[in-house]
Amino acid sequence: MGHLPQRYRSDYKRIIKSAHAMNSYAAATCALKSVVGQLERIDESAAWSLEEGLEVTLTLYHLGIPDVMWKSFSSTNLIESAFSHGASVMGNVK
């Protein structure tokens, strides 16, 4: 989103979020490729950035992650929490 002009960010953030919430890899891919096409007319670097990370953002579909776990695995909060806990435990070791 950093490449996209400010006035478009909230709309495209919502559109991309809804694409990631789709029930199938094929539907999500189709929706995101459509967004790439739209972004090419607005900002080529934003389109390129989304296209470059397209497959990575759809990894959860390939892994077959159950729906109830998507929220945890679709953000870095799980990783950050583990790092924070590790840091606090290691900070106590002398």
C-alpha atoms as a PDB file:
ATOM      1  CA  MET A   1       0.000   0.000   0.000  1.00  0.00           C
ATOM      2  CA  GLY A   2       2.938   2.326   0.491  1.00  0.00           C
ATOM      3  CA  HIS A   3       3.343   2.752  -3.258  1.00  0.00           C
ATOM      4  CA  LEU A   4      -0.274   3.756  -3.762  1.00  0.00           C
ATOM      5  CA  PRO A   5      -1.341   7.408  -3.645  1.00  0.00           C
ATOM      6  CA  GLN A   6      -2.996   8.205  -0.305  1.00  0.00           C
ATOM      7  CA  ARG A   7      -6.458   8.859  -1.773  1.00  0.00           C
ATOM      8  CA  TYR A   8      -6.734   5.260  -3.034  1.00  0.00           C
ATOM      9  CA  ARG A   9      -5.310   3.401  -0.042  1.00  0.00           C
ATOM     10  CA  SER A  10      -8.428   2.813   2.043  1.00  0.00           C
ATOM     11  CA  ASP A  11     -10.459   1.577  -0.938  1.00  0.00           C
ATOM     12  CA  TYR A  12      -7.790  -0.800  -2.168  1.00  0.00           C
ATOM     13  CA  LYS A  13      -6.961  -2.004   1.326  1.00  0.00           C
ATOM     14  CA  ARG A  14     -10.625  -3.022   1.680  1.00  0.00           C
ATOM     15  CA  ILE A  15     -10.703  -4.637  -1.787  1.00  0.00           C
ATOM     16  CA  ILE A  16      -7.525  -6.627  -1.165  1.00  0.00           C
ATOM     17  CA  LYS A  17      -8.724  -7.707   2.293  1.00  0.00           C
ATOM     18  CA  SER A  18     -11.971  -9.000   0.796  1.00  0.00           C
ATOM     19  CA  ALA A  19     -10.020 -10.904  -1.873  1.00  0.00           C
ATOM     20  CA  HIS A  20      -7.976 -12.628   0.819  1.00  0.00           C
ATOM     21  CA  ALA A  21     -11.195 -13.595   2.617  1.00  0.00           C
ATOM     22  CA  MET A  22     -12.494 -15.568  -0.367  1.00  0.00           C
ATOM     23  CA  ASN A  23     -13.152 -19.277   0.053  1.00  0.00           C
ATOM     24  CA  SER A  24     -10.906 -20.566  -2.703  1.00  0.00           C
ATOM     25  CA  TYR A  25      -7.460 -20.022  -4.128  1.00  0.00           C
ATOM     26  CA  ALA A  26      -8.891 -19.592  -7.645  1.00  0.00           C
ATOM     27  CA  ALA A  27     -11.362 -16.887  -6.573  1.00  0.00           C
ATOM     28  CA  ALA A  28      -8.762 -15.015  -4.528  1.00  0.00           C
ATOM     29  CA  THR A  29      -6.216 -15.182  -7.355  1.00  0.00           C
ATOM     30  CA  CYS A  30      -8.753 -13.935  -9.892  1.00  0.00           C
ATOM     31  CA  ALA A  31      -9.797 -11.054  -7.629  1.00  0.00           C
ATOM     32  CA  LEU A  32      -6.204 -10.024  -6.875  1.00  0.00           C
ATOM     33  CA  LYS A  33      -5.196 -10.174 -10.546  1.00  0.00           C
ATOM     34  CA  SER A  34      -8.127  -7.899 -11.286  1.00  0.00           C
ATOM     35  CA  VAL A  35      -6.832  -5.482  -8.645  1.00  0.00           C
ATOM     36  CA  VAL A  36      -3.372  -5.606 -10.255  1.00  0.00           C
ATOM     37  CA  GLY A  37      -4.979  -4.592 -13.558  1.00  0.00           C
ATOM     38  CA  GLN A  38      -6.785  -1.688 -11.900  1.00  0.00           C
ATOM     39  CA  LEU A  39      -3.637  -0.562 -10.103  1.00  0.00           C
ATOM     40  CA  GLU A  40      -1.652  -0.533 -13.348  1.00  0.00           C
ATOM     41  CA  ARG A  41      -3.784   2.430 -14.436  1.00  0.00           C
ATOM     42  CA  ILE A  42      -3.234   4.265 -11.129  1.00  0.00           C
ATOM     43  CA  ASP A  43       0.320   3.454 -10.069  1.00  0.00           C
ATOM     44  CA  GLU A  44       2.554   0.910 -11.786  1.00  0.00           C
ATOM     45  CA  SER A  45       4.798   0.385  -8.760  1.00  0.00           C
ATOM     46  CA  ALA A  46       1.781  -0.468  -6.572  1.00  0.00           C
ATOM     47  CA  ALA A  47       0.583  -2.932  -9.212  1.00  0.00           C
ATOM     48  CA  TRP A  48       4.043  -4.468  -9.491  1.00  0.00           C
ATOM     49  CA  SER A  49       4.350  -4.755  -5.714  1.00  0.00           C
ATOM     50  CA  LEU A  50       1.014  -6.570  -5.381  1.00  0.00           C
ATOM     51  CA  GLU A  51       1.771  -8.833  -8.326  1.00  0.00           C
ATOM     52  CA  GLU A  52       5.213  -9.677  -6.961  1.00  0.00           C
ATOM     53  CA  GLY A  53       3.798 -10.813  -3.614  1.00  0.00           C
ATOM     54  CA  LEU A  54       0.615 -12.366  -4.983  1.00  0.00           C
ATOM     55  CA  GLU A  55       1.563 -16.034  -4.524  1.00  0.00           C
ATOM     56  CA  VAL A  56       3.103 -15.420  -1.103  1.00  0.00           C
ATOM     57  CA  THR A  57      -0.071 -13.756   0.148  1.00  0.00           C
ATOM     58  CA  LEU A  58      -2.068 -16.796  -0.972  1.00  0.00           C
ATOM     59  CA  THR A  59       0.143 -19.344   0.813  1.00  0.00           C
ATOM     60  CA  LEU A  60      -2.529 -20.203   3.383  1.00  0.00           C
ATOM     61  CA  TYR A  61      -4.721 -21.614   0.613  1.00  0.00           C
ATOM     62  CA  HIS A  62      -1.914 -23.966  -0.461  1.00  0.00           C
ATOM     63  CA  LEU A  63      -1.206 -25.077   3.091  1.00  0.00           C
ATOM     64  CA  GLY A  64      -4.824 -26.043   3.697  1.00  0.00           C
ATOM     65  CA  ILE A  65      -5.026 -24.060   6.928  1.00  0.00           C
ATOM     66  CA  PRO A  66      -8.464 -24.527   8.586  1.00  0.00           C
ATOM     67  CA  ASP A  67     -10.703 -21.451   8.540  1.00  0.00           C
ATOM     68  CA  VAL A  68     -10.572 -21.006  12.323  1.00  0.00           C
ATOM     69  CA  MET A  69      -6.787 -20.573  12.169  1.00  0.00           C
ATOM     70  CA  TRP A  70      -6.660 -18.095   9.262  1.00  0.00           C
ATOM     71  CA  LYS A  71      -6.753 -15.004  11.436  1.00  0.00           C
ATOM     72  CA  SER A  72      -3.753 -16.166  13.455  1.00  0.00           C
ATOM     73  CA  PHE A  73      -1.694 -17.185  10.450  1.00  0.00           C
ATOM     74  CA  SER A  74      -2.610 -14.255   8.215  1.00  0.00           C
ATOM     75  CA  SER A  75      -0.765 -11.701  10.328  1.00  0.00           C
ATOM     76  CA  THR A  76       2.606 -11.420  12.000  1.00  0.00           C
ATOM     77  CA  ASN A  77       1.052 -11.090  15.477  1.00  0.00           C
ATOM     78  CA  LEU A  78       1.620 -14.783  16.206  1.00  0.00           C
ATOM     79  CA  ILE A  79       5.335 -14.465  15.385  1.00  0.00           C
ATOM     80  CA  GLU A  80       5.743 -11.174  17.227  1.00  0.00           C
ATOM     81  CA  SER A  81       4.103 -12.666  20.315  1.00  0.00           C
ATOM     82  CA  ALA A  82       6.486 -15.634  20.261  1.00  0.00           C
ATOM     83  CA  PHE A  83       9.502 -13.339  19.888  1.00  0.00           C
ATOM     84  CA  SER A  84       8.283 -11.148  22.734  1.00  0.00           C
ATOM     85  CA  HIS A  85       7.806 -14.126  25.031  1.00  0.00           C
ATOM     86  CA  GLY A  86      11.217 -15.510  24.079  1.00  0.00           C
ATOM     87  CA  ALA A  87      12.856 -12.162  24.804  1.00  0.00           C
ATOM     88  CA  SER A  88      11.234 -11.938  28.222  1.00  0.00           C
ATOM     89  CA  VAL A  89      12.280 -15.494  29.131  1.00  0.00           C
ATOM     90  CA  MET A  90      15.830 -15.034  27.859  1.00  0.00           C
ATOM     91  CA  GLY A  91      16.072 -11.704  29.637  1.00  0.00           C
ATOM     92  CA  ASN A  92      15.570 -13.550  32.913  1.00  0.00           C
ATOM     93  CA  VAL A  93      18.397 -16.040  32.236  1.00  0.00           C
ATOM     94  CA  LYS A  94      21.767 -15.072  33.690  1.00  0.00           C
END
